[in-house]
């Protein structure tokens, strides 16, 4: 990690991180949490950065990033990994919220959720109901953050990211993450727990 001032004017942040193997960092919570994400998921963060740098090298820095860079940014900022039993994943993808957090609620004890998205973590400092992570399905056998990191680094590719592999998950709906979600009425909010379009 290096001070933000180390980033030369006109050089893309992602390209600098890739070529210099150093992360420009400002003295505030967002960058602190990004640093923690680098420490917890070093392989995945390096792979995301390499993919980002390859996209920039090919297309340059444009006003519109394109689908791969958009997906990289989404995962980096608000991404999560869910290793869960099949019924949980199917209900999440279909946005069957009442089932996911009602009858299937006991299955959450078998699930593991990692949130490497540092902007999502920052939002959890002052939580509000609609904080949503963009979730990738991880193998149910993963047990630790280190295993999740290694899996994600190996899974990531431009093609997979361009396919929009994410499912939205309002984080405060996860059982055990917010006391109010013990009441089933918590989920009766279509502005947060939205139906699939």
C-alpha atoms as a PDB file:
ATOM      1  CA  UNK A   1       0.000   0.000   0.000  1.00  0.00           C
ATOM      2  CA  UNK A   2       1.259   3.452  -0.920  1.00  0.00           C
ATOM      3  CA  UNK A   3      -0.104   6.969  -0.398  1.00  0.00           C
ATOM      4  CA  UNK A   4      -2.559   8.205  -3.039  1.00  0.00           C
ATOM      5  CA  UNK A   5       0.035  10.816  -4.044  1.00  0.00           C
ATOM      6  CA  UNK A   6       2.155   7.992  -5.522  1.00  0.00           C
ATOM      7  CA  UNK A   7      -0.384   7.633  -8.358  1.00  0.00           C
ATOM      8  CA  UNK A   8       0.907   9.808 -11.231  1.00  0.00           C
ATOM      9  CA  UNK A   9      -1.521  12.182 -12.917  1.00  0.00           C
ATOM     10  CA  UNK A  10      -3.070  10.635 -16.008  1.00  0.00           C
ATOM     11  CA  UNK A  11      -2.320   7.037 -14.989  1.00  0.00           C
ATOM     12  CA  UNK A  12      -5.314   4.765 -14.413  1.00  0.00           C
ATOM     13  CA  UNK A  13      -5.497   3.506 -10.824  1.00  0.00           C
ATOM     14  CA  UNK A  14      -5.967  -0.100 -11.961  1.00  0.00           C
ATOM     15  CA  UNK A  15      -3.022   0.057 -14.366  1.00  0.00           C
ATOM     16  CA  UNK A  16      -0.799   1.512 -11.643  1.00  0.00           C
ATOM     17  CA  UNK A  17      -1.759  -1.251  -9.209  1.00  0.00           C
ATOM     18  CA  UNK A  18      -0.992  -3.844 -11.887  1.00  0.00           C
ATOM     19  CA  UNK A  19       2.362  -2.484 -13.063  1.00  0.00           C
ATOM     20  CA  UNK A  20       3.691  -1.232  -9.722  1.00  0.00           C
ATOM     21  CA  UNK A  21       2.109  -3.943  -7.530  1.00  0.00           C
ATOM     22  CA  UNK A  22       1.185  -1.197  -5.084  1.00  0.00           C
ATOM     23  CA  UNK A  23      -2.254   0.058  -4.054  1.00  0.00           C
ATOM     24  CA  UNK A  24      -2.670   3.850  -3.773  1.00  0.00           C
ATOM     25  CA  UNK A  25      -4.564   4.495  -0.566  1.00  0.00           C
ATOM     26  CA  UNK A  26      -6.243   7.530   0.956  1.00  0.00           C
ATOM     27  CA  UNK A  27      -6.718   7.974   4.685  1.00  0.00           C
ATOM     28  CA  UNK A  28     -10.398   7.089   4.980  1.00  0.00           C
ATOM     29  CA  UNK A  29     -12.697   4.175   5.664  1.00  0.00           C
ATOM     30  CA  UNK A  30     -13.361   3.151   2.047  1.00  0.00           C
ATOM     31  CA  UNK A  31      -9.680   2.642   1.278  1.00  0.00           C
ATOM     32  CA  UNK A  32      -9.060   1.041   4.675  1.00  0.00           C
ATOM     33  CA  UNK A  33     -11.726  -1.567   3.910  1.00  0.00           C
ATOM     34  CA  UNK A  34     -10.266  -2.038   0.424  1.00  0.00           C
ATOM     35  CA  UNK A  35      -6.943  -2.737   2.124  1.00  0.00           C
ATOM     36  CA  UNK A  36      -8.587  -5.323   4.361  1.00  0.00           C
ATOM     37  CA  UNK A  37     -10.133  -6.928   1.270  1.00  0.00           C
ATOM     38  CA  UNK A  38      -6.652  -7.125  -0.297  1.00  0.00           C
ATOM     39  CA  UNK A  39      -5.389  -8.828   2.861  1.00  0.00           C
ATOM     40  CA  UNK A  40      -8.312 -11.271   3.103  1.00  0.00           C
ATOM     41  CA  UNK A  41      -8.631 -12.053  -0.628  1.00  0.00           C
ATOM     42  CA  UNK A  42      -5.173 -11.382  -2.104  1.00  0.00           C
ATOM     43  CA  UNK A  43      -5.362 -13.889  -4.951  1.00  0.00           C
ATOM     44  CA  UNK A  44      -8.810 -12.788  -6.095  1.00  0.00           C
ATOM     45  CA  UNK A  45      -7.937  -9.091  -5.831  1.00  0.00           C
ATOM     46  CA  UNK A  46      -4.785  -9.641  -7.920  1.00  0.00           C
ATOM     47  CA  UNK A  47      -6.785 -11.564 -10.517  1.00  0.00           C
ATOM     48  CA  UNK A  48      -9.480  -8.878 -10.663  1.00  0.00           C
ATOM     49  CA  UNK A  49      -6.769  -6.263 -11.085  1.00  0.00           C
ATOM     50  CA  UNK A  50      -5.072  -8.251 -13.858  1.00  0.00           C
ATOM     51  CA  UNK A  51      -8.378  -8.578 -15.711  1.00  0.00           C
ATOM     52  CA  UNK A  52      -9.038  -4.871 -15.254  1.00  0.00           C
ATOM     53  CA  UNK A  53      -5.549  -3.981 -16.513  1.00  0.00           C
ATOM     54  CA  UNK A  54      -5.993  -6.230 -19.559  1.00  0.00           C
ATOM     55  CA  UNK A  55      -9.271  -4.503 -20.416  1.00  0.00           C
ATOM     56  CA  UNK A  56      -7.641  -1.073 -20.050  1.00  0.00           C
ATOM     57  CA  UNK A  57      -4.644  -2.137 -22.157  1.00  0.00           C
ATOM     58  CA  UNK A  58      -6.987  -3.342 -24.901  1.00  0.00           C
ATOM     59  CA  UNK A  59      -9.623  -0.588 -24.856  1.00  0.00           C
ATOM     60  CA  UNK A  60      -8.037   2.296 -22.976  1.00  0.00           C
ATOM     61  CA  UNK A  61      -9.799   4.276 -20.286  1.00  0.00           C
ATOM     62  CA  UNK A  62     -13.145   5.334 -21.715  1.00  0.00           C
ATOM     63  CA  UNK A  63     -16.176   7.075 -20.287  1.00  0.00           C
ATOM     64  CA  UNK A  64     -18.043   3.781 -20.634  1.00  0.00           C
ATOM     65  CA  UNK A  65     -16.192   0.847 -19.136  1.00  0.00           C
ATOM     66  CA  UNK A  66     -17.865  -2.039 -20.938  1.00  0.00           C
ATOM     67  CA  UNK A  67     -19.428  -5.204 -19.500  1.00  0.00           C
ATOM     68  CA  UNK A  68     -16.260  -6.849 -18.178  1.00  0.00           C
ATOM     69  CA  UNK A  69     -14.941  -3.772 -16.378  1.00  0.00           C
ATOM     70  CA  UNK A  70     -18.439  -3.065 -15.050  1.00  0.00           C
ATOM     71  CA  UNK A  71     -18.642  -6.592 -13.628  1.00  0.00           C
ATOM     72  CA  UNK A  72     -15.143  -6.322 -12.132  1.00  0.00           C
ATOM     73  CA  UNK A  73     -16.084  -3.059 -10.441  1.00  0.00           C
ATOM     74  CA  UNK A  74     -19.358  -4.529  -9.187  1.00  0.00           C
ATOM     75  CA  UNK A  75     -17.576  -7.516  -7.659  1.00  0.00           C
ATOM     76  CA  UNK A  76     -14.769  -5.403  -6.217  1.00  0.00           C
ATOM     77  CA  UNK A  77     -17.100  -2.841  -4.643  1.00  0.00           C
ATOM     78  CA  UNK A  78     -20.200  -4.820  -3.664  1.00  0.00           C
ATOM     79  CA  UNK A  79     -19.421  -8.457  -4.363  1.00  0.00           C
ATOM     80  CA  UNK A  80     -20.012 -11.441  -2.128  1.00  0.00           C
ATOM     81  CA  UNK A  81     -19.541 -15.183  -2.352  1.00  0.00           C
ATOM     82  CA  UNK A  82     -22.193 -17.588  -1.144  1.00  0.00           C
ATOM     83  CA  UNK A  83     -21.424 -21.242  -0.481  1.00  0.00           C
ATOM     84  CA  UNK A  84     -24.835 -22.694   0.263  1.00  0.00           C
ATOM     85  CA  UNK A  85     -27.108 -25.682  -0.165  1.00  0.00           C
ATOM     86  CA  UNK A  86     -28.769 -25.880  -3.588  1.00  0.00           C
ATOM     87  CA  UNK A  87     -32.285 -24.906  -2.400  1.00  0.00           C
ATOM     88  CA  UNK A  88     -30.958 -21.627  -0.954  1.00  0.00           C
ATOM     89  CA  UNK A  89     -29.160 -20.743  -4.158  1.00  0.00           C
ATOM     90  CA  UNK A  90     -32.174 -21.563  -6.336  1.00  0.00           C
ATOM     91  CA  UNK A  91     -34.474 -19.431  -4.171  1.00  0.00           C
ATOM     92  CA  UNK A  92     -31.968 -16.558  -4.237  1.00  0.00           C
ATOM     93  CA  UNK A  93     -31.572 -16.606  -8.015  1.00  0.00           C
ATOM     94  CA  UNK A  94     -35.348 -16.723  -8.467  1.00  0.00           C
ATOM     95  CA  UNK A  95     -35.768 -13.992  -5.823  1.00  0.00           C
ATOM     96  CA  UNK A  96     -38.244 -16.085  -3.909  1.00  0.00           C
ATOM     97  CA  UNK A  97     -37.580 -14.055  -0.777  1.00  0.00           C
ATOM     98  CA  UNK A  98     -40.401 -15.469   1.352  1.00  0.00           C
ATOM     99  CA  UNK A  99     -39.090 -18.998   0.723  1.00  0.00           C
ATOM    100  CA  UNK A 100     -35.409 -18.029   1.039  1.00  0.00           C
ATOM    101  CA  UNK A 101     -35.864 -16.410   4.431  1.00  0.00           C
ATOM    102  CA  UNK A 102     -38.914 -18.376   5.614  1.00  0.00           C
ATOM    103  CA  UNK A 103     -39.081 -22.163   5.161  1.00  0.00           C
ATOM    104  CA  UNK A 104     -35.447 -22.318   3.992  1.00  0.00           C
ATOM    105  CA  UNK A 105     -34.179 -20.180   6.873  1.00  0.00           C
ATOM    106  CA  UNK A 106     -32.683 -23.152   8.783  1.00  0.00           C
ATOM    107  CA  UNK A 107     -30.460 -23.950   5.770  1.00  0.00           C
ATOM    108  CA  UNK A 108     -28.616 -20.656   6.289  1.00  0.00           C
ATOM    109  CA  UNK A 109     -26.814 -22.387   9.170  1.00  0.00           C
ATOM    110  CA  UNK A 110     -25.115 -24.542   6.504  1.00  0.00           C
ATOM    111  CA  UNK A 111     -24.223 -21.552   4.305  1.00  0.00           C
ATOM    112  CA  UNK A 112     -21.121 -19.393   4.300  1.00  0.00           C
ATOM    113  CA  UNK A 113     -21.182 -15.838   3.024  1.00  0.00           C
ATOM    114  CA  UNK A 114     -18.015 -13.822   2.396  1.00  0.00           C
ATOM    115  CA  UNK A 115     -18.189 -10.143   1.451  1.00  0.00           C
ATOM    116  CA  UNK A 116     -14.975  -8.971  -0.220  1.00  0.00           C
ATOM    117  CA  UNK A 117     -16.822  -5.968  -1.660  1.00  0.00           C
ATOM    118  CA  UNK A 118     -15.354  -3.100   0.314  1.00  0.00           C
ATOM    119  CA  UNK A 119     -18.086  -0.560  -0.532  1.00  0.00           C
ATOM    120  CA  UNK A 120     -20.704  -2.998   0.782  1.00  0.00           C
ATOM    121  CA  UNK A 121     -18.672  -3.353   3.968  1.00  0.00           C
ATOM    122  CA  UNK A 122     -18.452   0.422   4.261  1.00  0.00           C
ATOM    123  CA  UNK A 123     -22.243   0.700   4.023  1.00  0.00           C
ATOM    124  CA  UNK A 124     -22.594  -1.825   6.848  1.00  0.00           C
ATOM    125  CA  UNK A 125     -20.834   0.625   9.187  1.00  0.00           C
ATOM    126  CA  UNK A 126     -24.067   2.674   9.134  1.00  0.00           C
ATOM    127  CA  UNK A 127     -26.495  -0.055   8.081  1.00  0.00           C
ATOM    128  CA  UNK A 128     -29.744   0.438   6.242  1.00  0.00           C
ATOM    129  CA  UNK A 129     -32.168  -2.142   4.964  1.00  0.00           C
ATOM    130  CA  UNK A 130     -31.465  -1.934   1.230  1.00  0.00           C
ATOM    131  CA  UNK A 131     -27.695  -2.619   1.288  1.00  0.00           C
ATOM    132  CA  UNK A 132     -27.372  -5.175  -1.482  1.00  0.00           C
ATOM    133  CA  UNK A 133     -24.445  -7.387  -2.387  1.00  0.00           C
ATOM    134  CA  UNK A 134     -23.940  -8.888  -5.826  1.00  0.00           C
ATOM    135  CA  UNK A 135     -23.413 -12.546  -5.067  1.00  0.00           C
ATOM    136  CA  UNK A 136     -21.491 -15.214  -6.910  1.00  0.00           C
ATOM    137  CA  UNK A 137     -22.228 -18.842  -6.268  1.00  0.00           C
ATOM    138  CA  UNK A 138     -19.271 -20.549  -4.630  1.00  0.00           C
ATOM    139  CA  UNK A 139     -18.921 -24.311  -4.174  1.00  0.00           C
ATOM    140  CA  UNK A 140     -20.748 -25.483  -1.067  1.00  0.00           C
ATOM    141  CA  UNK A 141     -17.611 -27.317   0.098  1.00  0.00           C
ATOM    142  CA  UNK A 142     -15.672 -24.092   0.731  1.00  0.00           C
ATOM    143  CA  UNK A 143     -15.023 -23.631   4.435  1.00  0.00           C
ATOM    144  CA  UNK A 144     -12.674 -20.663   4.825  1.00  0.00           C
ATOM    145  CA  UNK A 145     -11.943 -17.250   3.367  1.00  0.00           C
ATOM    146  CA  UNK A 146      -8.606 -18.605   2.113  1.00  0.00           C
ATOM    147  CA  UNK A 147     -10.396 -21.378   0.222  1.00  0.00           C
ATOM    148  CA  UNK A 148     -12.919 -18.869  -1.128  1.00  0.00           C
ATOM    149  CA  UNK A 149     -10.081 -16.584  -2.233  1.00  0.00           C
ATOM    150  CA  UNK A 150      -8.282 -19.381  -4.094  1.00  0.00           C
ATOM    151  CA  UNK A 151     -11.500 -20.586  -5.709  1.00  0.00           C
ATOM    152  CA  UNK A 152     -12.517 -17.101  -6.834  1.00  0.00           C
ATOM    153  CA  UNK A 153      -9.079 -16.324  -8.270  1.00  0.00           C
ATOM    154  CA  UNK A 154      -9.240 -19.503 -10.341  1.00  0.00           C
ATOM    155  CA  UNK A 155     -12.847 -18.964 -11.397  1.00  0.00           C
ATOM    156  CA  UNK A 156     -12.519 -15.381 -12.588  1.00  0.00           C
ATOM    157  CA  UNK A 157     -12.342 -14.744 -16.319  1.00  0.00           C
ATOM    158  CA  UNK A 158     -13.482 -11.982 -18.643  1.00  0.00           C
ATOM    159  CA  UNK A 159     -15.979 -14.355 -20.255  1.00  0.00           C
ATOM    160  CA  UNK A 160     -17.553 -15.407 -16.972  1.00  0.00           C
ATOM    161  CA  UNK A 161     -17.806 -11.837 -15.717  1.00  0.00           C
ATOM    162  CA  UNK A 162     -19.314 -10.590 -18.985  1.00  0.00           C
ATOM    163  CA  UNK A 163     -22.110 -13.158 -18.537  1.00  0.00           C
ATOM    164  CA  UNK A 164     -23.435 -11.218 -15.498  1.00  0.00           C
ATOM    165  CA  UNK A 165     -23.198 -14.104 -13.029  1.00  0.00           C
ATOM    166  CA  UNK A 166     -24.436 -12.181  -9.984  1.00  0.00           C
ATOM    167  CA  UNK A 167     -27.563 -12.569  -7.887  1.00  0.00           C
ATOM    168  CA  UNK A 168     -28.669  -9.645  -5.685  1.00  0.00           C
ATOM    169  CA  UNK A 169     -28.819 -10.253  -1.940  1.00  0.00           C
ATOM    170  CA  UNK A 170     -30.029  -7.621   0.546  1.00  0.00           C
ATOM    171  CA  UNK A 171     -27.423  -8.259   3.240  1.00  0.00           C
ATOM    172  CA  UNK A 172     -29.521  -7.303   6.246  1.00  0.00           C
ATOM    173  CA  UNK A 173     -31.962 -10.024   5.239  1.00  0.00           C
ATOM    174  CA  UNK A 174     -29.392 -12.741   5.928  1.00  0.00           C
ATOM    175  CA  UNK A 175     -30.447 -14.567   9.093  1.00  0.00           C
ATOM    176  CA  UNK A 176     -28.312 -13.482  12.025  1.00  0.00           C
ATOM    177  CA  UNK A 177     -27.051 -10.318  10.322  1.00  0.00           C
ATOM    178  CA  UNK A 178     -29.725  -7.922  11.616  1.00  0.00           C
ATOM    179  CA  UNK A 179     -32.049  -8.371  14.608  1.00  0.00           C
ATOM    180  CA  UNK A 180     -35.105  -6.987  12.805  1.00  0.00           C
ATOM    181  CA  UNK A 181     -35.063  -9.841  10.286  1.00  0.00           C
ATOM    182  CA  UNK A 182     -36.210 -12.255  12.994  1.00  0.00           C
ATOM    183  CA  UNK A 183     -39.680 -10.887  12.218  1.00  0.00           C
ATOM    184  CA  UNK A 184     -41.054 -12.233   8.910  1.00  0.00           C
ATOM    185  CA  UNK A 185     -42.612  -8.814   8.233  1.00  0.00           C
ATOM    186  CA  UNK A 186     -39.072  -7.470   7.670  1.00  0.00           C
ATOM    187  CA  UNK A 187     -39.150  -9.103   4.244  1.00  0.00           C
ATOM    188  CA  UNK A 188     -42.497  -7.577   3.228  1.00  0.00           C
ATOM    189  CA  UNK A 189     -40.778  -4.655   1.542  1.00  0.00           C
ATOM    190  CA  UNK A 190     -40.903  -4.824  -2.268  1.00  0.00           C
ATOM    191  CA  UNK A 191     -38.557  -1.830  -2.523  1.00  0.00           C
ATOM    192  CA  UNK A 192     -35.781  -3.978  -1.014  1.00  0.00           C
ATOM    193  CA  UNK A 193     -36.847  -7.564  -1.665  1.00  0.00           C
ATOM    194  CA  UNK A 194     -37.739  -7.070  -5.299  1.00  0.00           C
ATOM    195  CA  UNK A 195     -39.385  -9.563  -7.588  1.00  0.00           C
ATOM    196  CA  UNK A 196     -37.445 -10.866 -10.564  1.00  0.00           C
ATOM    197  CA  UNK A 197     -38.111  -8.880 -13.741  1.00  0.00           C
END
